[in-house]
Amino acid sequence: MKELKELKVGDFFKLKPTGRVYVRGEYVRSLKRYSYYDFDDVCREHFAKGSKRVIVNFEF
């Protein structure tokens, strides 16, 4: 597991072991949060603090 701010733009991650795959987006200064979106639907964008713990070691 890593924190969201440790990932590079475009890196894949999961929030739950059996959950969806997400892609890390850019840092949004006005919100002070990092964006991330669903791998299957790029219109489903979310924002989270950089300290959010995510799963990066999984087989895709």
PDB file of N, CA and C in Angstrom:
ATOM      1  N   MET A   1       0.842  -1.186   0.000  1.00  0.00           N
ATOM      2  CA  MET A   1       0.000   0.000   0.000  1.00  0.00           C
ATOM      3  C   MET A   1       0.880   1.240   0.000  1.00  0.00           C
ATOM      4  N   LYS A   2       0.393   2.262  -0.671  1.00  0.00           N
ATOM      5  CA  LYS A   2       1.064   3.548  -0.731  1.00  0.00           C
ATOM      6  C   LYS A   2       0.037   4.648  -0.526  1.00  0.00           C
ATOM      7  N   GLU A   3       0.546   5.843  -0.309  1.00  0.00           N
ATOM      8  CA  GLU A   3      -0.331   7.003  -0.256  1.00  0.00           C
ATOM      9  C   GLU A   3      -0.535   7.511  -1.674  1.00  0.00           C
ATOM     10  N   LEU A   4      -1.665   8.124  -1.925  1.00  0.00           N
ATOM     11  CA  LEU A   4      -2.012   8.595  -3.259  1.00  0.00           C
ATOM     12  C   LEU A   4      -0.984   9.594  -3.792  1.00  0.00           C
ATOM     13  N   LYS A   5      -0.434  10.434  -2.933  1.00  0.00           N
ATOM     14  CA  LYS A   5       0.531  11.436  -3.378  1.00  0.00           C
ATOM     15  C   LYS A   5       1.863  10.826  -3.815  1.00  0.00           C
ATOM     16  N   GLU A   6       2.139   9.578  -3.455  1.00  0.00           N
ATOM     17  CA  GLU A   6       3.382   8.912  -3.846  1.00  0.00           C
ATOM     18  C   GLU A   6       3.327   8.338  -5.264  1.00  0.00           C
ATOM     19  N   LEU A   7       2.130   8.236  -5.827  1.00  0.00           N
ATOM     20  CA  LEU A   7       1.977   7.693  -7.169  1.00  0.00           C
ATOM     21  C   LEU A   7       2.238   8.762  -8.218  1.00  0.00           C
ATOM     22  N   LYS A   8       2.584   8.329  -9.416  1.00  0.00           N
ATOM     23  CA  LYS A   8       2.773   9.237 -10.545  1.00  0.00           C
ATOM     24  C   LYS A   8       1.465   9.352 -11.313  1.00  0.00           C
ATOM     25  N   VAL A   9       1.321  10.407 -12.082  1.00  0.00           N
ATOM     26  CA  VAL A   9       0.135  10.584 -12.911  1.00  0.00           C
ATOM     27  C   VAL A   9       0.061   9.420 -13.900  1.00  0.00           C
ATOM     28  N   GLY A  10      -1.095   8.768 -13.954  1.00  0.00           N
ATOM     29  CA  GLY A  10      -1.290   7.643 -14.858  1.00  0.00           C
ATOM     30  C   GLY A  10      -1.087   6.278 -14.218  1.00  0.00           C
ATOM     31  N   ASP A  11      -0.643   6.227 -12.972  1.00  0.00           N
ATOM     32  CA  ASP A  11      -0.454   4.949 -12.278  1.00  0.00           C
ATOM     33  C   ASP A  11      -1.809   4.341 -11.905  1.00  0.00           C
ATOM     34  N   PHE A  12      -1.876   3.016 -11.953  1.00  0.00           N
ATOM     35  CA  PHE A  12      -3.092   2.284 -11.601  1.00  0.00           C
ATOM     36  C   PHE A  12      -3.082   1.939 -10.124  1.00  0.00           C
ATOM     37  N   PHE A  13      -4.274   1.908  -9.518  1.00  0.00           N
ATOM     38  CA  PHE A  13      -4.399   1.502  -8.115  1.00  0.00           C
ATOM     39  C   PHE A  13      -5.825   1.068  -7.837  1.00  0.00           C
ATOM     40  N   LYS A  14      -6.007   0.433  -6.686  1.00  0.00           N
ATOM     41  CA  LYS A  14      -7.324   0.023  -6.207  1.00  0.00           C
ATOM     42  C   LYS A  14      -7.531   0.588  -4.813  1.00  0.00           C
ATOM     43  N   LEU A  15      -8.786   0.780  -4.445  1.00  0.00           N
ATOM     44  CA  LEU A  15      -9.123   1.211  -3.096  1.00  0.00           C
ATOM     45  C   LEU A  15      -9.414   0.017  -2.201  1.00  0.00           C
ATOM     46  N   LYS A  16      -9.947  -1.064  -2.801  1.00  0.00           N
ATOM     47  CA  LYS A  16     -10.244  -2.305  -2.083  1.00  0.00           C
ATOM     48  C   LYS A  16      -9.618  -3.457  -2.876  1.00  0.00           C
ATOM     49  N   PRO A  17      -9.250  -4.545  -2.224  1.00  0.00           N
ATOM     50  CA  PRO A  17      -8.604  -5.665  -2.936  1.00  0.00           C
ATOM     51  C   PRO A  17      -9.439  -6.236  -4.081  1.00  0.00           C
ATOM     52  N   THR A  18     -10.759  -6.237  -3.961  1.00  0.00           N
ATOM     53  CA  THR A  18     -11.603  -6.775  -5.026  1.00  0.00           C
ATOM     54  C   THR A  18     -12.370  -5.674  -5.750  1.00  0.00           C
ATOM     55  N   GLY A  19     -11.938  -4.440  -5.605  1.00  0.00           N
ATOM     56  CA  GLY A  19     -12.659  -3.307  -6.173  1.00  0.00           C
ATOM     57  C   GLY A  19     -12.229  -2.936  -7.577  1.00  0.00           C
ATOM     58  N   ARG A  20     -12.696  -1.793  -8.008  1.00  0.00           N
ATOM     59  CA  ARG A  20     -12.391  -1.260  -9.333  1.00  0.00           C
ATOM     60  C   ARG A  20     -10.941  -0.798  -9.423  1.00  0.00           C
ATOM     61  N   VAL A  21     -10.472  -0.664 -10.666  1.00  0.00           N
ATOM     62  CA  VAL A  21      -9.139  -0.133 -10.917  1.00  0.00           C
ATOM     63  C   VAL A  21      -9.288   1.346 -11.253  1.00  0.00           C
ATOM     64  N   TYR A  22      -8.467   2.169 -10.621  1.00  0.00           N
ATOM     65  CA  TYR A  22      -8.492   3.608 -10.836  1.00  0.00           C
ATOM     66  C   TYR A  22      -7.152   4.079 -11.380  1.00  0.00           C
ATOM     67  N   VAL A  23      -7.168   5.274 -11.969  1.00  0.00           N
ATOM     68  CA  VAL A  23      -5.963   5.890 -12.519  1.00  0.00           C
ATOM     69  C   VAL A  23      -5.770   7.223 -11.817  1.00  0.00           C
ATOM     70  N   ARG A  24      -4.554   7.463 -11.351  1.00  0.00           N
ATOM     71  CA  ARG A  24      -4.281   8.737 -10.661  1.00  0.00           C
ATOM     72  C   ARG A  24      -4.191   9.864 -11.674  1.00  0.00           C
ATOM     73  N   GLY A  25      -4.837  10.962 -11.363  1.00  0.00           N
ATOM     74  CA  GLY A  25      -4.819  12.137 -12.213  1.00  0.00           C
ATOM     75  C   GLY A  25      -3.915  13.217 -11.638  1.00  0.00           C
ATOM     76  N   GLU A  26      -4.206  14.444 -11.971  1.00  0.00           N
ATOM     77  CA  GLU A  26      -3.416  15.599 -11.561  1.00  0.00           C
ATOM     78  C   GLU A  26      -3.800  16.085 -10.162  1.00  0.00           C
ATOM     79  N   TYR A  27      -2.942  16.900  -9.576  1.00  0.00           N
ATOM     80  CA  TYR A  27      -3.241  17.576  -8.321  1.00  0.00           C
ATOM     81  C   TYR A  27      -4.025  18.838  -8.652  1.00  0.00           C
ATOM     82  N   VAL A  28      -5.152  19.035  -7.977  1.00  0.00           N
ATOM     83  CA  VAL A  28      -6.001  20.201  -8.216  1.00  0.00           C
ATOM     84  C   VAL A  28      -5.750  21.188  -7.078  1.00  0.00           C
ATOM     85  N   ARG A  29      -5.050  22.268  -7.392  1.00  0.00           N
ATOM     86  CA  ARG A  29      -4.643  23.217  -6.348  1.00  0.00           C
ATOM     87  C   ARG A  29      -5.826  23.904  -5.686  1.00  0.00           C
ATOM     88  N   SER A  30      -6.871  24.206  -6.450  1.00  0.00           N
ATOM     89  CA  SER A  30      -8.016  24.908  -5.869  1.00  0.00           C
ATOM     90  C   SER A  30      -8.751  24.048  -4.833  1.00  0.00           C
ATOM     91  N   LEU A  31      -8.735  22.739  -5.010  1.00  0.00           N
ATOM     92  CA  LEU A  31      -9.380  21.830  -4.059  1.00  0.00           C
ATOM     93  C   LEU A  31      -8.406  21.273  -3.021  1.00  0.00           C
ATOM     94  N   LYS A  32      -7.112  21.410  -3.296  1.00  0.00           N
ATOM     95  CA  LYS A  32      -6.056  20.829  -2.465  1.00  0.00           C
ATOM     96  C   LYS A  32      -6.238  19.317  -2.347  1.00  0.00           C
ATOM     97  N   ARG A  33      -6.585  18.694  -3.478  1.00  0.00           N
ATOM     98  CA  ARG A  33      -6.821  17.256  -3.531  1.00  0.00           C
ATOM     99  C   ARG A  33      -6.275  16.705  -4.856  1.00  0.00           C
ATOM    100  N   TYR A  34      -6.064  15.393  -4.859  1.00  0.00           N
ATOM    101  CA  TYR A  34      -5.632  14.705  -6.070  1.00  0.00           C
ATOM    102  C   TYR A  34      -6.852  14.126  -6.773  1.00  0.00           C
ATOM    103  N   SER A  35      -6.859  14.204  -8.092  1.00  0.00           N
ATOM    104  CA  SER A  35      -7.962  13.604  -8.838  1.00  0.00           C
ATOM    105  C   SER A  35      -7.598  12.177  -9.205  1.00  0.00           C
ATOM    106  N   TYR A  36      -8.606  11.337  -9.326  1.00  0.00           N
ATOM    107  CA  TYR A  36      -8.433   9.992  -9.846  1.00  0.00           C
ATOM    108  C   TYR A  36      -9.734   9.595 -10.522  1.00  0.00           C
ATOM    109  N   TYR A  37      -9.624   8.729 -11.533  1.00  0.00           N
ATOM    110  CA  TYR A  37     -10.811   8.344 -12.285  1.00  0.00           C
ATOM    111  C   TYR A  37     -10.827   6.845 -12.528  1.00  0.00           C
ATOM    112  N   ASP A  38     -12.020   6.344 -12.790  1.00  0.00           N
ATOM    113  CA  ASP A  38     -12.252   4.923 -13.027  1.00  0.00           C
ATOM    114  C   ASP A  38     -11.606   4.526 -14.349  1.00  0.00           C
ATOM    115  N   PHE A  39     -10.901   3.411 -14.371  1.00  0.00           N
ATOM    116  CA  PHE A  39     -10.237   2.932 -15.578  1.00  0.00           C
ATOM    117  C   PHE A  39     -11.250   2.660 -16.689  1.00  0.00           C
ATOM    118  N   ASP A  40     -12.429   2.151 -16.344  1.00  0.00           N
ATOM    119  CA  ASP A  40     -13.444   1.810 -17.337  1.00  0.00           C
ATOM    120  C   ASP A  40     -14.289   2.994 -17.783  1.00  0.00           C
ATOM    121  N   ASP A  41     -14.360   4.058 -16.998  1.00  0.00           N
ATOM    122  CA  ASP A  41     -15.212   5.202 -17.309  1.00  0.00           C
ATOM    123  C   ASP A  41     -14.514   6.484 -16.853  1.00  0.00           C
ATOM    124  N   VAL A  42     -13.865   7.182 -17.778  1.00  0.00           N
ATOM    125  CA  VAL A  42     -13.086   8.364 -17.408  1.00  0.00           C
ATOM    126  C   VAL A  42     -13.953   9.527 -16.955  1.00  0.00           C
ATOM    127  N   CYS A  43     -15.255   9.467 -17.198  1.00  0.00           N
ATOM    128  CA  CYS A  43     -16.160  10.522 -16.730  1.00  0.00           C
ATOM    129  C   CYS A  43     -16.438  10.408 -15.239  1.00  0.00           C
ATOM    130  N   ARG A  44     -16.082   9.296 -14.631  1.00  0.00           N
ATOM    131  CA  ARG A  44     -16.307   9.067 -13.201  1.00  0.00           C
ATOM    132  C   ARG A  44     -15.052   9.515 -12.450  1.00  0.00           C
ATOM    133  N   GLU A  45     -14.944  10.813 -12.229  1.00  0.00           N
ATOM    134  CA  GLU A  45     -13.759  11.380 -11.578  1.00  0.00           C
ATOM    135  C   GLU A  45     -14.042  11.646 -10.106  1.00  0.00           C
ATOM    136  N   HIS A  46     -13.041  11.394  -9.281  1.00  0.00           N
ATOM    137  CA  HIS A  46     -13.146  11.594  -7.834  1.00  0.00           C
ATOM    138  C   HIS A  46     -11.940  12.403  -7.370  1.00  0.00           C
ATOM    139  N   PHE A  47     -12.030  12.925  -6.153  1.00  0.00           N
ATOM    140  CA  PHE A  47     -10.948  13.694  -5.560  1.00  0.00           C
ATOM    141  C   PHE A  47     -10.684  13.184  -4.152  1.00  0.00           C
ATOM    142  N   ALA A  48      -9.412  13.137  -3.775  1.00  0.00           N
ATOM    143  CA  ALA A  48      -9.051  12.644  -2.443  1.00  0.00           C
ATOM    144  C   ALA A  48      -7.789  13.343  -1.967  1.00  0.00           C
ATOM    145  N   LYS A  49      -7.599  13.352  -0.654  1.00  0.00           N
ATOM    146  CA  LYS A  49      -6.382  13.894  -0.071  1.00  0.00           C
ATOM    147  C   LYS A  49      -5.198  13.012  -0.456  1.00  0.00           C
ATOM    148  N   GLY A  50      -4.023  13.571  -0.439  1.00  0.00           N
ATOM    149  CA  GLY A  50      -2.825  12.827  -0.789  1.00  0.00           C
ATOM    150  C   GLY A  50      -2.470  11.748   0.205  1.00  0.00           C
ATOM    151  N   SER A  51      -3.013  11.819   1.406  1.00  0.00           N
ATOM    152  CA  SER A  51      -2.709  10.825   2.442  1.00  0.00           C
ATOM    153  C   SER A  51      -3.581   9.578   2.338  1.00  0.00           C
ATOM    154  N   LYS A  52      -4.482   9.520   1.374  1.00  0.00           N
ATOM    155  CA  LYS A  52      -5.354   8.342   1.210  1.00  0.00           C
ATOM    156  C   LYS A  52      -4.515   7.126   0.837  1.00  0.00           C
ATOM    157  N   ARG A  53      -4.701   6.027   1.569  1.00  0.00           N
ATOM    158  CA  ARG A  53      -3.957   4.782   1.332  1.00  0.00           C
ATOM    159  C   ARG A  53      -4.621   4.001   0.201  1.00  0.00           C
ATOM    160  N   VAL A  54      -3.816   3.562  -0.786  1.00  0.00           N
ATOM    161  CA  VAL A  54      -4.331   2.804  -1.933  1.00  0.00           C
ATOM    162  C   VAL A  54      -3.495   1.554  -2.145  1.00  0.00           C
ATOM    163  N   ILE A  55      -4.068   0.599  -2.849  1.00  0.00           N
ATOM    164  CA  ILE A  55      -3.387  -0.667  -3.146  1.00  0.00           C
ATOM    165  C   ILE A  55      -2.759  -0.572  -4.523  1.00  0.00           C
ATOM    166  N   VAL A  56      -1.458  -0.846  -4.609  1.00  0.00           N
ATOM    167  CA  VAL A  56      -0.759  -0.739  -5.887  1.00  0.00           C
ATOM    168  C   VAL A  56      -0.200  -2.068  -6.383  1.00  0.00           C
ATOM    169  N   ASN A  57       0.015  -3.030  -5.522  1.00  0.00           N
ATOM    170  CA  ASN A  57       0.571  -4.308  -5.929  1.00  0.00           C
ATOM    171  C   ASN A  57      -0.551  -5.312  -6.177  1.00  0.00           C
ATOM    172  N   PHE A  58      -1.037  -5.352  -7.411  1.00  0.00           N
ATOM    173  CA  PHE A  58      -2.087  -6.285  -7.787  1.00  0.00           C
ATOM    174  C   PHE A  58      -1.896  -6.659  -9.252  1.00  0.00           C
ATOM    175  N   GLU A  59      -2.496  -7.781  -9.640  1.00  0.00           N
ATOM    176  CA  GLU A  59      -2.398  -8.239 -11.015  1.00  0.00           C
ATOM    177  C   GLU A  59      -3.612  -7.740 -11.776  1.00  0.00           C
ATOM    178  N   PHE A  60      -3.364  -7.097 -12.914  1.00  0.00           N
ATOM    179  CA  PHE A  60      -4.438  -6.438 -13.678  1.00  0.00           C
ATOM    180  C   PHE A  60      -4.673  -7.180 -14.968  1.00  0.00           C
TER     181      PHE A  60
END
